[in-house]
N, C-alpha and C. Protein backbone atom coordinates (compact mmCIF):
# COMPACT_ATOMS: atom_id res chain seq x y z
N MET A 1 -2.81 -53.82 64.90
CA MET A 1 -2.63 -54.19 63.51
C MET A 1 -3.35 -53.20 62.58
N LYS A 2 -4.59 -52.88 62.96
CA LYS A 2 -5.37 -51.96 62.15
C LYS A 2 -4.73 -50.56 62.13
N THR A 3 -4.20 -50.13 63.28
CA THR A 3 -3.55 -48.82 63.38
C THR A 3 -2.29 -48.78 62.51
N ALA A 4 -1.54 -49.86 62.52
CA ALA A 4 -0.32 -49.92 61.71
C ALA A 4 -0.64 -49.85 60.22
N LEU A 5 -1.69 -50.54 59.80
CA LEU A 5 -2.09 -50.50 58.40
C LEU A 5 -2.57 -49.10 57.99
N LEU A 6 -3.32 -48.45 58.87
CA LEU A 6 -3.76 -47.09 58.59
C LEU A 6 -2.57 -46.14 58.51
N GLY A 7 -1.59 -46.33 59.39
CA GLY A 7 -0.38 -45.52 59.36
C GLY A 7 0.39 -45.71 58.06
N LEU A 8 0.52 -46.95 57.62
CA LEU A 8 1.21 -47.23 56.35
C LEU A 8 0.46 -46.63 55.18
N ALA A 9 -0.85 -46.71 55.20
CA ALA A 9 -1.66 -46.14 54.12
C ALA A 9 -1.50 -44.62 54.09
N ALA A 10 -1.52 -43.98 55.26
CA ALA A 10 -1.35 -42.53 55.32
C ALA A 10 0.04 -42.13 54.83
N ALA A 11 1.06 -42.87 55.23
CA ALA A 11 2.42 -42.57 54.77
C ALA A 11 2.53 -42.75 53.26
N GLY A 12 1.89 -43.77 52.72
CA GLY A 12 1.90 -44.00 51.28
C GLY A 12 1.22 -42.87 50.53
N LEU A 13 0.08 -42.40 51.03
CA LEU A 13 -0.61 -41.27 50.40
C LEU A 13 0.24 -40.01 50.44
N PHE A 14 0.92 -39.78 51.56
CA PHE A 14 1.80 -38.61 51.66
C PHE A 14 2.92 -38.68 50.63
N LEU A 15 3.56 -39.83 50.52
CA LEU A 15 4.68 -39.98 49.59
C LEU A 15 4.23 -39.84 48.14
N VAL A 16 3.08 -40.39 47.81
CA VAL A 16 2.56 -40.26 46.45
C VAL A 16 2.22 -38.80 46.16
N GLY A 17 1.61 -38.12 47.12
CA GLY A 17 1.29 -36.70 46.94
C GLY A 17 2.53 -35.84 46.81
N ALA A 18 3.53 -36.13 47.61
CA ALA A 18 4.78 -35.36 47.54
C ALA A 18 5.46 -35.57 46.19
N ALA A 19 5.48 -36.79 45.72
CA ALA A 19 6.11 -37.07 44.43
C ALA A 19 5.35 -36.44 43.27
N ALA A 20 4.03 -36.42 43.37
CA ALA A 20 3.21 -35.89 42.28
C ALA A 20 3.28 -34.38 42.17
N THR A 21 3.50 -33.69 43.27
CA THR A 21 3.44 -32.24 43.25
C THR A 21 4.79 -31.55 43.43
N SER A 22 5.85 -32.30 43.64
CA SER A 22 7.14 -31.65 43.85
C SER A 22 7.74 -31.19 42.52
N ALA A 23 8.41 -30.08 42.58
CA ALA A 23 9.06 -29.55 41.38
C ALA A 23 10.30 -30.38 41.07
N PRO A 24 10.63 -30.55 39.80
CA PRO A 24 11.76 -31.39 39.44
C PRO A 24 13.10 -30.69 39.66
N VAL A 25 14.11 -31.46 40.01
CA VAL A 25 15.47 -30.91 40.06
C VAL A 25 16.20 -31.18 38.75
N ASP A 26 15.65 -32.07 37.94
CA ASP A 26 16.19 -32.33 36.60
C ASP A 26 15.13 -31.91 35.59
N CYS A 27 15.36 -30.80 34.93
CA CYS A 27 14.38 -30.38 33.93
C CYS A 27 15.06 -30.25 32.58
N ALA A 28 14.37 -30.68 31.55
CA ALA A 28 14.93 -30.65 30.20
C ALA A 28 15.05 -29.23 29.66
N THR A 29 14.08 -28.39 30.00
CA THR A 29 14.10 -27.01 29.51
C THR A 29 13.95 -26.05 30.68
N PRO A 30 15.05 -25.68 31.32
CA PRO A 30 14.96 -24.74 32.44
C PRO A 30 14.49 -23.37 31.98
N VAL A 31 13.81 -22.67 32.88
CA VAL A 31 13.35 -21.32 32.61
C VAL A 31 14.54 -20.39 32.49
N LEU A 32 15.55 -20.61 33.31
CA LEU A 32 16.77 -19.81 33.30
C LEU A 32 17.95 -20.73 33.53
N ARG A 33 19.00 -20.56 32.76
CA ARG A 33 20.25 -21.30 32.97
C ARG A 33 21.38 -20.27 32.91
N SER A 34 22.21 -20.25 33.93
CA SER A 34 23.33 -19.32 33.98
C SER A 34 24.57 -20.06 34.46
N VAL A 35 25.69 -19.78 33.82
CA VAL A 35 26.96 -20.41 34.17
C VAL A 35 27.84 -19.36 34.83
N SER A 36 28.55 -19.77 35.90
CA SER A 36 29.43 -18.85 36.61
C SER A 36 30.56 -18.39 35.70
N PRO A 37 31.15 -17.23 35.98
CA PRO A 37 32.25 -16.73 35.15
C PRO A 37 33.43 -17.70 35.05
N ASP A 38 33.69 -18.47 36.12
CA ASP A 38 34.80 -19.43 36.07
C ASP A 38 34.36 -20.80 35.53
N THR A 39 33.12 -20.93 35.12
CA THR A 39 32.51 -22.14 34.55
C THR A 39 32.54 -23.35 35.48
N ARG A 40 32.73 -23.14 36.78
CA ARG A 40 32.74 -24.26 37.73
C ARG A 40 31.36 -24.55 38.31
N HIS A 41 30.39 -23.67 38.09
CA HIS A 41 29.04 -23.84 38.64
C HIS A 41 28.02 -23.37 37.61
N ARG A 42 26.81 -23.92 37.73
CA ARG A 42 25.72 -23.42 36.90
C ARG A 42 24.44 -23.42 37.73
N LEU A 43 23.61 -22.44 37.46
CA LEU A 43 22.33 -22.29 38.15
C LEU A 43 21.22 -22.52 37.14
N GLU A 44 20.27 -23.37 37.52
CA GLU A 44 19.10 -23.63 36.68
C GLU A 44 17.84 -23.35 37.47
N ILE A 45 16.91 -22.65 36.85
CA ILE A 45 15.59 -22.44 37.44
C ILE A 45 14.64 -23.36 36.71
N CYS A 46 14.07 -24.31 37.45
CA CYS A 46 13.18 -25.31 36.87
C CYS A 46 11.73 -25.02 37.27
N ARG A 47 10.84 -25.18 36.34
CA ARG A 47 9.42 -24.93 36.56
C ARG A 47 8.77 -26.16 37.18
N GLY A 48 7.93 -25.93 38.19
CA GLY A 48 7.16 -26.99 38.81
C GLY A 48 5.80 -27.13 38.15
N ARG A 49 5.00 -28.01 38.68
CA ARG A 49 3.66 -28.24 38.13
C ARG A 49 2.67 -27.23 38.68
N LEU A 50 1.85 -26.73 37.80
CA LEU A 50 0.74 -25.86 38.17
C LEU A 50 -0.50 -26.50 37.58
N PHE A 51 -1.34 -27.06 38.44
CA PHE A 51 -2.47 -27.85 37.95
C PHE A 51 -3.56 -27.01 37.32
N PHE A 52 -3.68 -25.75 37.72
CA PHE A 52 -4.71 -24.89 37.14
C PHE A 52 -4.23 -23.45 37.20
N ALA A 53 -4.43 -22.73 36.11
CA ALA A 53 -4.07 -21.32 36.08
C ALA A 53 -4.98 -20.61 35.07
N MET A 54 -5.34 -19.41 35.39
CA MET A 54 -6.09 -18.59 34.46
C MET A 54 -5.10 -18.06 33.41
N PRO A 55 -5.60 -17.59 32.27
CA PRO A 55 -4.70 -17.03 31.26
C PRO A 55 -3.86 -15.89 31.85
N GLY A 56 -2.57 -15.93 31.57
CA GLY A 56 -1.66 -14.91 32.07
C GLY A 56 -1.03 -15.23 33.41
N GLN A 57 -1.40 -16.35 34.01
CA GLN A 57 -0.87 -16.69 35.33
C GLN A 57 0.14 -17.82 35.29
N SER A 58 0.71 -18.11 34.15
CA SER A 58 1.66 -19.22 34.09
C SER A 58 2.93 -18.92 34.88
N GLY A 59 3.28 -17.65 35.07
CA GLY A 59 4.46 -17.29 35.86
C GLY A 59 4.26 -17.49 37.35
N ASP A 60 3.02 -17.78 37.74
CA ASP A 60 2.74 -18.04 39.15
C ASP A 60 3.10 -19.47 39.56
N ALA A 61 3.58 -20.25 38.63
CA ALA A 61 3.93 -21.65 38.92
C ALA A 61 5.10 -21.70 39.90
N PRO A 62 5.11 -22.71 40.76
CA PRO A 62 6.27 -22.88 41.64
C PRO A 62 7.46 -23.41 40.86
N GLY A 63 8.61 -23.42 41.50
CA GLY A 63 9.80 -23.92 40.83
C GLY A 63 10.92 -24.20 41.80
N MET A 64 12.07 -24.50 41.25
CA MET A 64 13.27 -24.79 42.04
C MET A 64 14.45 -24.06 41.43
N ALA A 65 15.29 -23.50 42.29
CA ALA A 65 16.58 -22.97 41.87
C ALA A 65 17.60 -24.04 42.25
N VAL A 66 18.27 -24.60 41.26
CA VAL A 66 19.19 -25.72 41.48
C VAL A 66 20.59 -25.28 41.07
N LEU A 67 21.53 -25.33 42.02
CA LEU A 67 22.92 -25.03 41.76
C LEU A 67 23.66 -26.34 41.55
N ARG A 68 24.40 -26.43 40.45
CA ARG A 68 25.17 -27.63 40.13
C ARG A 68 26.63 -27.28 39.91
N ASP A 69 27.48 -28.29 40.12
CA ASP A 69 28.90 -28.08 39.82
C ASP A 69 29.14 -28.39 38.34
N ALA A 70 30.38 -28.34 37.91
CA ALA A 70 30.71 -28.56 36.50
C ALA A 70 30.37 -29.97 36.03
N ASP A 71 30.34 -30.94 36.96
CA ASP A 71 30.02 -32.32 36.61
C ASP A 71 28.52 -32.61 36.64
N GLY A 72 27.72 -31.63 37.03
CA GLY A 72 26.27 -31.81 37.07
C GLY A 72 25.74 -32.26 38.43
N GLN A 73 26.60 -32.40 39.43
CA GLN A 73 26.16 -32.79 40.76
C GLN A 73 25.50 -31.60 41.46
N ILE A 74 24.43 -31.85 42.19
CA ILE A 74 23.69 -30.80 42.87
C ILE A 74 24.47 -30.29 44.08
N GLU A 75 24.63 -28.97 44.16
CA GLU A 75 25.30 -28.32 45.29
C GLU A 75 24.30 -27.68 46.24
N GLY A 76 23.13 -27.35 45.76
CA GLY A 76 22.12 -26.72 46.60
C GLY A 76 20.83 -26.51 45.83
N VAL A 77 19.72 -26.47 46.59
CA VAL A 77 18.39 -26.30 46.01
C VAL A 77 17.61 -25.33 46.88
N VAL A 78 16.86 -24.44 46.26
CA VAL A 78 15.94 -23.55 46.96
C VAL A 78 14.60 -23.64 46.25
N ALA A 79 13.53 -23.87 47.02
CA ALA A 79 12.18 -23.93 46.47
C ALA A 79 11.67 -22.51 46.24
N LEU A 80 11.08 -22.29 45.09
CA LEU A 80 10.53 -20.99 44.74
C LEU A 80 9.01 -21.07 44.76
N ALA A 81 8.37 -20.16 45.46
CA ALA A 81 6.92 -20.14 45.52
C ALA A 81 6.33 -19.76 44.16
N MET A 82 6.96 -18.82 43.47
CA MET A 82 6.51 -18.38 42.16
C MET A 82 7.71 -18.06 41.28
N LEU A 83 7.66 -18.45 40.03
CA LEU A 83 8.75 -18.14 39.11
C LEU A 83 8.87 -16.65 38.86
N ASN A 84 7.76 -15.92 38.98
CA ASN A 84 7.79 -14.46 38.76
C ASN A 84 8.68 -13.75 39.76
N ALA A 85 9.02 -14.41 40.87
CA ALA A 85 9.88 -13.78 41.87
C ALA A 85 11.29 -13.54 41.34
N VAL A 86 11.73 -14.35 40.39
CA VAL A 86 13.05 -14.21 39.79
C VAL A 86 12.95 -13.12 38.72
N GLU A 87 13.52 -11.96 39.02
CA GLU A 87 13.35 -10.82 38.12
C GLU A 87 14.59 -10.48 37.31
N GLY A 88 15.73 -10.94 37.72
CA GLY A 88 16.94 -10.56 37.00
C GLY A 88 17.93 -11.70 36.95
N PRO A 89 19.06 -11.45 36.34
CA PRO A 89 20.08 -12.49 36.26
C PRO A 89 20.72 -12.73 37.63
N PRO A 90 21.26 -13.92 37.83
CA PRO A 90 21.93 -14.21 39.10
C PRO A 90 23.22 -13.40 39.23
N ARG A 91 23.61 -13.16 40.48
CA ARG A 91 24.85 -12.45 40.79
C ARG A 91 25.84 -13.49 41.31
N TRP A 92 26.90 -13.73 40.57
CA TRP A 92 27.90 -14.71 40.96
C TRP A 92 28.90 -14.06 41.90
N GLU A 93 28.98 -14.58 43.13
CA GLU A 93 29.89 -14.04 44.14
C GLU A 93 31.03 -15.03 44.36
N ALA A 94 31.97 -14.67 45.22
CA ALA A 94 33.13 -15.54 45.48
C ALA A 94 32.76 -16.86 46.14
N ASP A 95 31.72 -16.86 47.00
CA ASP A 95 31.37 -18.07 47.74
C ASP A 95 29.94 -18.54 47.52
N ALA A 96 29.16 -17.84 46.69
CA ALA A 96 27.76 -18.20 46.49
C ALA A 96 27.21 -17.54 45.24
N VAL A 97 26.04 -18.00 44.84
CA VAL A 97 25.30 -17.34 43.77
C VAL A 97 24.04 -16.76 44.41
N ALA A 98 23.69 -15.55 44.01
CA ALA A 98 22.54 -14.87 44.61
C ALA A 98 21.54 -14.48 43.54
N LEU A 99 20.28 -14.75 43.81
CA LEU A 99 19.18 -14.21 43.04
C LEU A 99 18.58 -13.13 43.92
N PRO A 100 18.73 -11.87 43.58
CA PRO A 100 18.30 -10.78 44.47
C PRO A 100 16.86 -10.95 44.96
N LEU A 101 16.70 -10.86 46.28
CA LEU A 101 15.42 -10.99 46.99
C LEU A 101 14.76 -12.34 46.84
N VAL A 102 15.47 -13.32 46.31
CA VAL A 102 14.88 -14.65 46.12
C VAL A 102 15.66 -15.73 46.84
N ALA A 103 16.95 -15.82 46.58
CA ALA A 103 17.74 -16.91 47.15
C ALA A 103 19.22 -16.60 47.11
N ARG A 104 19.95 -17.29 47.96
CA ARG A 104 21.41 -17.26 47.96
C ARG A 104 21.87 -18.68 48.26
N ILE A 105 22.60 -19.27 47.34
CA ILE A 105 23.04 -20.66 47.49
C ILE A 105 24.55 -20.67 47.51
N ALA A 106 25.11 -21.17 48.60
CA ALA A 106 26.57 -21.24 48.75
C ALA A 106 27.12 -22.42 47.96
N TYR A 107 28.34 -22.25 47.45
CA TYR A 107 29.02 -23.33 46.77
C TYR A 107 29.46 -24.37 47.79
N THR A 108 29.54 -25.62 47.36
CA THR A 108 30.05 -26.67 48.21
C THR A 108 31.56 -26.50 48.31
N SER A 109 32.08 -26.45 49.54
CA SER A 109 33.50 -26.15 49.73
C SER A 109 34.42 -27.19 49.11
N GLY A 110 34.12 -28.47 49.29
CA GLY A 110 35.00 -29.51 48.77
C GLY A 110 34.55 -30.05 47.44
N GLY A 111 33.56 -29.44 46.83
CA GLY A 111 33.01 -29.96 45.59
C GLY A 111 31.86 -30.90 45.89
N ALA A 112 30.92 -30.98 44.99
CA ALA A 112 29.75 -31.84 45.18
C ALA A 112 30.15 -33.30 45.00
N THR A 113 29.44 -34.16 45.69
CA THR A 113 29.69 -35.60 45.60
C THR A 113 28.40 -36.31 45.19
N VAL A 114 28.52 -37.55 44.80
CA VAL A 114 27.36 -38.35 44.44
C VAL A 114 26.43 -38.49 45.64
N LEU A 115 27.00 -38.68 46.82
CA LEU A 115 26.19 -38.81 48.03
C LEU A 115 25.47 -37.49 48.34
N GLY A 116 26.17 -36.38 48.19
CA GLY A 116 25.56 -35.08 48.40
C GLY A 116 24.44 -34.81 47.41
N ASP A 117 24.63 -35.23 46.15
CA ASP A 117 23.61 -35.10 45.13
C ASP A 117 22.37 -35.89 45.51
N ALA A 118 22.55 -37.12 45.96
CA ALA A 118 21.41 -37.95 46.38
C ALA A 118 20.71 -37.35 47.58
N PHE A 119 21.47 -36.77 48.50
CA PHE A 119 20.89 -36.13 49.68
C PHE A 119 19.99 -34.96 49.26
N TRP A 120 20.45 -34.12 48.32
CA TRP A 120 19.64 -33.00 47.86
C TRP A 120 18.40 -33.47 47.13
N ARG A 121 18.51 -34.54 46.35
CA ARG A 121 17.34 -35.08 45.65
C ARG A 121 16.30 -35.59 46.66
N LEU A 122 16.75 -36.28 47.70
CA LEU A 122 15.83 -36.76 48.72
C LEU A 122 15.18 -35.60 49.46
N ARG A 123 15.97 -34.61 49.84
CA ARG A 123 15.42 -33.43 50.53
C ARG A 123 14.39 -32.72 49.66
N THR A 124 14.67 -32.61 48.36
CA THR A 124 13.73 -31.95 47.46
C THR A 124 12.43 -32.74 47.36
N TRP A 125 12.54 -34.04 47.24
CA TRP A 125 11.37 -34.90 47.13
C TRP A 125 10.51 -34.82 48.40
N LEU A 126 11.16 -34.72 49.55
CA LEU A 126 10.44 -34.62 50.82
C LEU A 126 10.05 -33.18 51.16
N ARG A 127 10.40 -32.24 50.29
CA ARG A 127 10.12 -30.81 50.48
C ARG A 127 10.81 -30.26 51.72
N ALA A 128 12.02 -30.70 51.96
CA ALA A 128 12.80 -30.26 53.11
C ALA A 128 13.98 -29.40 52.66
N VAL A 129 13.73 -28.54 51.70
CA VAL A 129 14.76 -27.62 51.20
C VAL A 129 14.39 -26.21 51.63
N PRO A 130 15.36 -25.30 51.66
CA PRO A 130 15.04 -23.91 52.00
C PRO A 130 14.04 -23.33 51.00
N ARG A 131 13.19 -22.45 51.48
CA ARG A 131 12.21 -21.78 50.63
C ARG A 131 12.64 -20.34 50.39
N ASP A 132 12.18 -19.78 49.30
CA ASP A 132 12.60 -18.42 48.95
C ASP A 132 12.14 -17.38 49.97
N GLU A 133 11.10 -17.67 50.74
CA GLU A 133 10.65 -16.72 51.77
C GLU A 133 11.72 -16.50 52.85
N GLU A 134 12.59 -17.46 53.05
CA GLU A 134 13.63 -17.36 54.07
C GLU A 134 14.71 -16.34 53.71
N PHE A 135 14.76 -15.91 52.46
CA PHE A 135 15.82 -15.01 52.01
C PHE A 135 15.36 -13.57 51.86
N ARG A 136 14.10 -13.30 52.18
CA ARG A 136 13.59 -11.93 52.04
C ARG A 136 13.72 -11.17 53.32
């Protein structure tokens, strides 16, 4: 009984910590917003929380690159270690959007769904999304 309670307490602390420090997938003021040439997709770079930074280090904040379809459903998410890693505009390709040396997110073949959107939100909250280091 005592072990089960300790396990539940540890799981609760993990979930609270993950929620408090995870970068948002819905941000009111994205750092970068770009729409594909065919207007069927948009890429948003959202800033995460940085609890402490010296002057001039605000670009060191973590973030998320979030690809959405025209209806706003999430098609893909990549965690960014630092916003400064994004140096130029995204490159819109036939099957994906690429941020050079940072990320490449493929479009959803059949279009994004509400269930797929919820899946990406859960993965982001649990920090189970691809990281930008995987694309270098």
